[in-house]
Amino acid sequence: YTTADRPGAEEERETLKKIIPQFHVIGGVHNNLDREEMLSVIRQQQESYLAISGMIVIIMSQGQRGAVYDKNNKPVNIHDVLMTMNSGKLYGKPKVSNSSR
């Protein structure tokens, strides 16, 4: 099954939508993206704001060591996600990264 069909995925998404605003951050939900769409959303979000001091990216997906699966069940390397986050307005700013299996 895909992540979109995974039992509990919708409940987890709704819980995050309630919790994230408590951190006073601007955010959005993007569902069922392929690799290029994931990286593009990260680039677009960091370029959308004049002042950005950080970014939280939560990718809810199945995966393997060092990668998550996109909507086509193709692996997206976590290193690629982090490198995209470390470009543009976030270059040189602190990042927190965690991935679990």
N, C-alpha and C. Protein backbone atom coordinates (compact mmCIF):
# COMPACT_ATOMS: atom_id res chain seq x y z
N TYR A 1 0.82 -1.18 0.00
CA TYR A 1 0.00 0.00 0.00
C TYR A 1 0.87 1.24 0.00
N THR A 2 0.32 2.34 -0.46
CA THR A 2 1.06 3.59 -0.44
C THR A 2 0.83 4.29 0.89
N THR A 3 1.62 5.28 1.18
CA THR A 3 1.48 6.00 2.44
C THR A 3 0.10 6.61 2.57
N ALA A 4 -0.46 7.10 1.46
CA ALA A 4 -1.79 7.70 1.50
C ALA A 4 -2.83 6.69 1.98
N ASP A 5 -2.61 5.43 1.71
CA ASP A 5 -3.54 4.38 2.11
C ASP A 5 -3.20 3.77 3.46
N ARG A 6 -2.07 4.15 4.04
CA ARG A 6 -1.60 3.55 5.28
C ARG A 6 -2.58 3.84 6.41
N PRO A 7 -2.97 2.81 7.14
CA PRO A 7 -3.87 3.04 8.28
C PRO A 7 -3.26 4.05 9.25
N GLY A 8 -4.04 5.03 9.64
CA GLY A 8 -3.57 6.04 10.59
C GLY A 8 -2.97 7.28 9.97
N ALA A 9 -2.68 7.26 8.68
CA ALA A 9 -2.02 8.41 8.04
C ALA A 9 -2.87 9.67 8.12
N GLU A 10 -4.16 9.55 7.87
CA GLU A 10 -5.04 10.73 7.91
C GLU A 10 -5.12 11.30 9.33
N GLU A 11 -5.21 10.42 10.33
CA GLU A 11 -5.26 10.87 11.72
C GLU A 11 -3.96 11.59 12.10
N GLU A 12 -2.82 11.04 11.68
CA GLU A 12 -1.54 11.68 11.96
C GLU A 12 -1.46 13.05 11.31
N ARG A 13 -1.91 13.15 10.06
CA ARG A 13 -1.89 14.42 9.33
C ARG A 13 -2.75 15.45 10.06
N GLU A 14 -3.95 15.07 10.49
CA GLU A 14 -4.85 15.99 11.18
C GLU A 14 -4.26 16.43 12.52
N THR A 15 -3.61 15.52 13.23
CA THR A 15 -2.97 15.87 14.50
C THR A 15 -1.87 16.89 14.28
N LEU A 16 -1.04 16.68 13.26
CA LEU A 16 0.03 17.64 12.96
C LEU A 16 -0.53 19.01 12.58
N LYS A 17 -1.64 19.02 11.85
CA LYS A 17 -2.25 20.29 11.45
C LYS A 17 -2.73 21.08 12.67
N LYS A 18 -3.03 20.39 13.77
CA LYS A 18 -3.44 21.06 15.00
C LYS A 18 -2.23 21.50 15.83
N ILE A 19 -1.16 20.70 15.80
CA ILE A 19 0.00 20.96 16.65
C ILE A 19 0.91 22.05 16.07
N ILE A 20 1.19 22.00 14.78
CA ILE A 20 2.17 22.92 14.17
C ILE A 20 1.87 24.39 14.44
N PRO A 21 0.61 24.86 14.35
CA PRO A 21 0.36 26.29 14.62
C PRO A 21 0.75 26.73 16.03
N GLN A 22 0.85 25.81 16.97
CA GLN A 22 1.26 26.15 18.33
C GLN A 22 2.70 26.65 18.37
N PHE A 23 3.47 26.35 17.34
CA PHE A 23 4.86 26.80 17.27
C PHE A 23 4.99 28.15 16.56
N HIS A 24 3.86 28.74 16.20
CA HIS A 24 3.82 30.06 15.56
C HIS A 24 4.64 30.08 14.27
N VAL A 25 4.43 29.07 13.46
CA VAL A 25 5.10 29.00 12.17
C VAL A 25 4.04 29.03 11.06
N ILE A 26 4.47 29.46 9.91
CA ILE A 26 3.60 29.46 8.74
C ILE A 26 3.82 28.12 8.05
N GLY A 27 2.76 27.47 7.68
CA GLY A 27 2.95 26.15 7.07
C GLY A 27 1.85 25.80 6.11
N GLY A 28 2.02 24.65 5.53
CA GLY A 28 1.04 24.13 4.61
C GLY A 28 1.17 22.62 4.54
N VAL A 29 0.16 22.01 4.01
CA VAL A 29 0.15 20.56 3.85
C VAL A 29 0.17 20.26 2.36
N HIS A 30 1.06 19.38 1.98
CA HIS A 30 1.18 18.96 0.58
C HIS A 30 1.13 17.44 0.56
N ASN A 31 0.19 16.91 -0.17
CA ASN A 31 -0.04 15.46 -0.16
C ASN A 31 0.42 14.81 -1.46
N ASN A 32 0.91 13.58 -1.31
CA ASN A 32 1.19 12.70 -2.45
C ASN A 32 2.06 13.37 -3.52
N LEU A 33 3.27 13.72 -3.14
CA LEU A 33 4.20 14.38 -4.06
C LEU A 33 5.24 13.39 -4.56
N ASP A 34 5.72 13.65 -5.78
CA ASP A 34 6.87 12.88 -6.25
C ASP A 34 8.14 13.61 -5.83
N ARG A 35 9.28 13.05 -6.15
CA ARG A 35 10.57 13.60 -5.70
C ARG A 35 10.72 15.06 -6.09
N GLU A 36 10.53 15.36 -7.35
CA GLU A 36 10.73 16.73 -7.83
C GLU A 36 9.75 17.69 -7.19
N GLU A 37 8.52 17.25 -6.97
CA GLU A 37 7.53 18.11 -6.31
C GLU A 37 7.93 18.39 -4.87
N MET A 38 8.44 17.36 -4.16
CA MET A 38 8.89 17.57 -2.77
C MET A 38 9.96 18.63 -2.70
N LEU A 39 10.99 18.49 -3.52
CA LEU A 39 12.10 19.43 -3.49
C LEU A 39 11.67 20.82 -3.95
N SER A 40 10.76 20.87 -4.91
CA SER A 40 10.25 22.14 -5.41
C SER A 40 9.47 22.89 -4.32
N VAL A 41 8.64 22.18 -3.57
CA VAL A 41 7.87 22.81 -2.49
C VAL A 41 8.81 23.40 -1.45
N ILE A 42 9.87 22.69 -1.10
CA ILE A 42 10.84 23.21 -0.12
C ILE A 42 11.47 24.49 -0.65
N ARG A 43 11.90 24.47 -1.92
CA ARG A 43 12.52 25.68 -2.51
C ARG A 43 11.52 26.84 -2.54
N GLN A 44 10.29 26.56 -2.96
CA GLN A 44 9.28 27.62 -3.06
C GLN A 44 8.96 28.22 -1.69
N GLN A 45 8.84 27.36 -0.68
CA GLN A 45 8.51 27.86 0.66
C GLN A 45 9.60 28.76 1.22
N GLN A 46 10.85 28.37 1.05
CA GLN A 46 11.90 29.21 1.63
C GLN A 46 12.10 30.50 0.86
N GLU A 47 11.73 30.53 -0.40
CA GLU A 47 11.86 31.77 -1.18
C GLU A 47 10.63 32.66 -1.06
N SER A 48 9.54 32.14 -0.48
CA SER A 48 8.29 32.89 -0.38
C SER A 48 8.29 33.95 0.70
N TYR A 49 9.21 33.89 1.64
CA TYR A 49 9.19 34.78 2.77
C TYR A 49 10.43 35.65 2.80
N LEU A 50 10.24 36.95 3.10
CA LEU A 50 11.37 37.87 3.14
C LEU A 50 12.34 37.51 4.25
N ALA A 51 11.82 37.19 5.40
CA ALA A 51 12.67 36.83 6.54
C ALA A 51 12.33 35.39 6.95
N ILE A 52 13.29 34.54 6.86
CA ILE A 52 13.08 33.15 7.26
C ILE A 52 14.26 32.74 8.14
N SER A 53 13.93 32.23 9.31
CA SER A 53 14.99 31.85 10.24
C SER A 53 15.09 30.35 10.41
N GLY A 54 14.16 29.62 9.84
CA GLY A 54 14.20 28.17 9.95
C GLY A 54 13.07 27.54 9.16
N MET A 55 13.10 26.25 9.10
CA MET A 55 12.07 25.52 8.35
C MET A 55 11.90 24.16 8.99
N ILE A 56 10.66 23.74 9.09
CA ILE A 56 10.33 22.40 9.56
C ILE A 56 9.71 21.67 8.37
N VAL A 57 10.28 20.53 8.04
CA VAL A 57 9.74 19.70 6.96
C VAL A 57 9.42 18.35 7.57
N ILE A 58 8.18 17.95 7.44
CA ILE A 58 7.75 16.64 7.93
C ILE A 58 7.30 15.84 6.73
N ILE A 59 7.99 14.76 6.47
CA ILE A 59 7.62 13.89 5.35
C ILE A 59 7.06 12.61 5.95
N MET A 60 5.77 12.43 5.75
CA MET A 60 5.12 11.23 6.27
C MET A 60 5.07 10.20 5.15
N SER A 61 5.94 9.24 5.24
CA SER A 61 6.05 8.25 4.18
C SER A 61 6.72 7.00 4.71
N GLN A 62 6.55 5.94 4.00
CA GLN A 62 7.34 4.74 4.25
C GLN A 62 8.73 5.02 3.70
N GLY A 63 9.69 4.18 4.01
CA GLY A 63 11.02 4.44 3.49
C GLY A 63 11.98 3.30 3.76
N GLN A 64 13.22 3.62 3.53
CA GLN A 64 14.32 2.69 3.78
C GLN A 64 15.45 3.54 4.35
N ARG A 65 16.50 2.93 4.79
CA ARG A 65 17.59 3.70 5.40
C ARG A 65 18.07 4.79 4.43
N GLY A 66 17.98 6.04 4.90
CA GLY A 66 18.47 7.17 4.13
C GLY A 66 17.54 7.70 3.06
N ALA A 67 16.32 7.16 2.98
CA ALA A 67 15.39 7.60 1.93
C ALA A 67 13.95 7.42 2.39
N VAL A 68 13.08 8.21 1.79
CA VAL A 68 11.64 8.03 1.94
C VAL A 68 11.08 7.76 0.55
N TYR A 69 9.89 7.19 0.50
CA TYR A 69 9.29 6.91 -0.80
C TYR A 69 8.36 8.04 -1.22
N ASP A 70 8.41 8.39 -2.50
CA ASP A 70 7.51 9.41 -3.03
C ASP A 70 6.19 8.75 -3.41
N LYS A 71 5.29 9.52 -4.04
CA LYS A 71 3.97 9.00 -4.36
C LYS A 71 4.01 7.84 -5.36
N ASN A 72 5.12 7.71 -6.06
CA ASN A 72 5.28 6.62 -7.03
C ASN A 72 6.08 5.45 -6.44
N ASN A 73 6.26 5.50 -5.11
CA ASN A 73 7.04 4.49 -4.39
C ASN A 73 8.50 4.42 -4.85
N LYS A 74 9.02 5.57 -5.30
CA LYS A 74 10.43 5.67 -5.66
C LYS A 74 11.17 6.36 -4.51
N PRO A 75 12.38 5.90 -4.18
CA PRO A 75 13.09 6.49 -3.05
C PRO A 75 13.54 7.92 -3.32
N VAL A 76 13.40 8.75 -2.29
CA VAL A 76 13.89 10.12 -2.30
C VAL A 76 14.95 10.18 -1.21
N ASN A 77 16.17 10.45 -1.61
CA ASN A 77 17.30 10.47 -0.68
C ASN A 77 17.15 11.62 0.31
N ILE A 78 17.25 11.32 1.60
CA ILE A 78 17.15 12.35 2.63
C ILE A 78 18.24 13.40 2.45
N HIS A 79 19.41 12.99 1.98
CA HIS A 79 20.49 13.94 1.71
C HIS A 79 20.03 15.00 0.71
N ASP A 80 19.27 14.61 -0.32
CA ASP A 80 18.77 15.57 -1.30
C ASP A 80 17.82 16.57 -0.66
N VAL A 81 16.98 16.09 0.26
CA VAL A 81 16.06 16.98 0.97
C VAL A 81 16.85 17.98 1.80
N LEU A 82 17.84 17.48 2.55
CA LEU A 82 18.64 18.37 3.40
C LEU A 82 19.46 19.37 2.57
N MET A 83 20.00 18.94 1.45
CA MET A 83 20.76 19.85 0.59
C MET A 83 19.84 20.95 0.03
N THR A 84 18.61 20.59 -0.30
CA THR A 84 17.66 21.59 -0.78
C THR A 84 17.33 22.58 0.33
N MET A 85 17.18 22.07 1.55
CA MET A 85 16.92 22.96 2.69
C MET A 85 18.11 23.86 2.99
N ASN A 86 19.31 23.44 2.65
CA ASN A 86 20.52 24.20 2.96
C ASN A 86 20.89 25.16 1.82
N SER A 87 19.97 25.43 0.95
CA SER A 87 20.24 26.37 -0.14
C SER A 87 19.36 27.60 0.06
N GLY A 88 19.52 28.56 -0.81
CA GLY A 88 18.68 29.76 -0.75
C GLY A 88 18.79 30.48 0.57
N LYS A 89 17.65 30.93 1.10
CA LYS A 89 17.61 31.74 2.31
C LYS A 89 18.00 30.98 3.57
N LEU A 90 18.04 29.66 3.51
CA LEU A 90 18.40 28.88 4.69
C LEU A 90 19.87 28.49 4.70
N TYR A 91 20.63 28.93 3.72
CA TYR A 91 22.05 28.58 3.68
C TYR A 91 22.75 29.08 4.93
N GLY A 92 23.46 28.20 5.60
CA GLY A 92 24.24 28.56 6.77
C GLY A 92 23.44 28.69 8.06
N LYS A 93 22.14 28.47 8.00
CA LYS A 93 21.32 28.55 9.21
C LYS A 93 21.17 27.15 9.80
N PRO A 94 20.96 27.08 11.11
CA PRO A 94 20.87 25.77 11.76
C PRO A 94 19.70 24.94 11.24
N LYS A 95 19.91 23.63 11.21
CA LYS A 95 18.87 22.70 10.79
C LYS A 95 18.78 21.60 11.84
N VAL A 96 17.61 21.06 12.01
CA VAL A 96 17.43 19.88 12.84
C VAL A 96 16.87 18.80 11.94
N SER A 97 17.47 17.66 11.99
CA SER A 97 17.07 16.57 11.12
C SER A 97 16.90 15.31 11.93
N ASN A 98 15.84 14.58 11.64
CA ASN A 98 15.65 13.29 12.29
C ASN A 98 14.84 12.43 11.33
N SER A 99 15.28 11.24 11.15
CA SER A 99 14.48 10.29 10.38
C SER A 99 14.51 8.98 11.13
N SER A 100 13.38 8.35 11.16
CA SER A 100 13.31 7.06 11.86
C SER A 100 12.64 6.06 10.95
N ARG A 101 12.89 4.81 11.24
CA ARG A 101 12.33 3.76 10.41
C ARG A 101 11.24 3.09 11.18
